Protein backbone atom coordinates (compact mmCIF):
# COMPACT_ATOMS: atom_id res chain seq x y z
CA MET A 1 13.78 -8.79 65.93
CA VAL A 2 10.39 -7.52 67.41
CA LEU A 3 7.54 -6.42 65.33
CA ILE A 4 6.24 -3.09 66.41
CA SER A 5 3.62 -2.56 63.70
CA GLY A 6 2.71 -3.85 60.30
CA ASP A 7 2.26 -7.62 60.24
CA GLU A 8 1.89 -7.59 56.50
CA ILE A 9 5.32 -5.87 56.00
CA TYR A 10 6.79 -8.21 58.50
CA SER A 11 5.63 -11.28 56.59
CA CYS A 12 6.96 -9.81 53.23
CA LEU A 13 10.27 -9.15 55.03
CA ARG A 14 10.58 -12.54 56.35
CA SER A 15 9.37 -14.14 53.09
CA ALA A 16 11.92 -12.20 51.09
CA ASN A 17 14.72 -12.92 53.54
CA GLN A 18 14.53 -16.62 54.31
CA TRP A 19 18.05 -16.58 55.89
CA THR A 20 16.53 -14.99 58.79
CA ASN A 21 14.89 -18.23 59.85
CA ASP A 22 18.36 -19.55 60.47
CA ILE A 23 19.40 -16.74 62.93
CA LEU A 24 15.80 -15.92 64.25
CA PRO A 25 14.35 -19.43 64.76
CA GLN A 26 12.29 -18.42 67.71
CA THR A 27 10.19 -16.14 65.51
CA LYS A 28 10.14 -18.38 62.53
CA ASP A 29 6.38 -19.01 62.40
CA ILE A 30 5.25 -16.38 64.97
CA LEU A 31 3.29 -13.52 63.93
CA PRO A 32 1.66 -11.15 66.44
CA GLN A 33 -2.04 -10.82 66.27
CA THR A 34 -2.11 -7.27 64.79
CA SER A 35 -4.09 -7.96 61.60
CA HIS A 36 -6.77 -5.49 62.83
CA GLU A 37 -4.17 -2.64 63.66
CA ARG A 38 -5.75 0.55 64.78
CA THR A 39 -4.51 3.73 63.48
CA SER A 40 -5.17 6.97 65.53
CA THR A 41 -6.97 9.97 64.19
CA LEU A 42 -3.76 12.02 64.73
CA GLN A 43 -1.65 9.50 62.91
CA LYS A 44 -3.94 9.50 59.98
CA LEU A 45 -3.98 13.37 60.07
CA LEU A 46 -0.15 13.60 60.09
CA GLU A 47 0.29 10.82 57.36
CA PHE A 48 -2.18 12.78 55.21
CA PHE A 49 -0.22 16.07 55.34
CA LEU A 50 3.16 14.42 55.22
CA LYS A 51 2.63 12.14 52.11
CA GLY A 52 2.56 14.96 49.71
CA LYS A 53 4.73 17.83 48.65
CA PHE A 54 4.98 19.28 52.19
CA GLY A 55 6.37 15.96 53.34
CA ASP A 56 8.78 15.75 50.52
CA LEU A 57 9.95 19.34 51.35
CA LEU A 58 10.39 18.47 55.03
CA GLU A 59 12.20 15.27 54.24
CA ALA A 60 14.73 17.13 51.80
CA TRP A 61 15.35 19.86 54.36
CA GLU A 62 16.05 17.29 57.13
CA MET A 63 18.33 15.26 54.75
CA ASN A 64 20.32 18.42 53.70
CA ARG A 65 20.57 19.42 57.50
CA LYS A 66 22.02 16.05 58.44
CA ILE A 67 24.29 15.82 55.51
CA ALA A 68 25.66 19.32 56.42
CA ARG A 69 26.03 18.25 60.11
CA PHE A 70 27.70 14.95 59.38
CA SER A 71 30.07 16.41 56.82
CA HIS A 72 31.74 18.45 59.64
CA GLN A 73 31.90 15.71 62.16
CA ASP A 74 35.10 14.37 63.39
CA GLY A 75 36.01 11.34 61.32
CA PHE A 76 34.26 12.32 58.23
CA GLY A 77 36.23 10.89 55.32
CA VAL A 78 36.88 7.79 53.00
CA GLU A 79 34.33 5.53 54.73
CA THR A 80 31.44 8.05 55.19
CA LYS A 81 28.92 8.84 52.52
CA PHE A 82 25.72 10.85 52.78
CA ASN A 83 23.40 11.51 50.05
CA SER A 84 19.71 10.89 49.09
CA ASP A 85 20.39 7.18 48.67
CA ILE A 86 23.23 6.37 51.10
CA CYS A 87 23.63 7.09 54.88
CA GLN A 88 27.02 5.52 55.68
CA GLY A 89 28.36 6.86 58.78
CA ASN A 90 31.67 4.92 59.38
CA PHE A 91 33.32 7.69 61.18
CA ASP A 92 35.84 5.47 62.99
CA HIS A 93 37.03 3.93 59.60
CA HIS A 94 36.82 0.29 60.76
CA GLY A 95 37.39 -0.91 57.06
CA MET A 96 40.74 0.85 57.02
CA TRP A 97 41.59 -0.75 60.27
CA THR A 98 40.63 -4.21 59.17
CA ILE A 99 42.49 -3.87 55.86
CA SER A 100 45.65 -2.68 57.71
CA ALA A 101 45.37 -5.55 60.31
CA TYR A 102 44.84 -8.05 57.59
CA LYS A 103 47.98 -6.80 55.58
CA GLU A 104 50.04 -6.85 58.76
CA ARG A 105 49.05 -10.42 59.48
CA LEU A 106 49.80 -11.50 55.91
CA GLU A 107 53.31 -9.90 56.23
CA ARG A 108 53.88 -11.62 59.58
CA LEU A 109 52.85 -14.98 57.94
CA LYS A 110 54.91 -14.17 54.93
CA ILE A 111 52.06 -14.64 52.54
């Protein structure tokens, strides 16, 4: 886990997810010195235009475009779900494979 930007968000993320201290001990108390982050003029300008209705329309357009594209992709089915809240692209149906292998093992063990 490497911080790219936003030490405040990183701190909140780590505080809200204390379990990360167990699996990411090397970063437990290390925060990069980015408290005086610089935002470029271009970034400020783009964020200004994208944070309103135009940005909402652009995001909705892209979401609908992706949903349509994924809906026609090989493997689309039971374990795939795309909507405004969920982007779950399990096109290879790993859950079904896992359940099938589990049931076979139980049968072999006569459980």
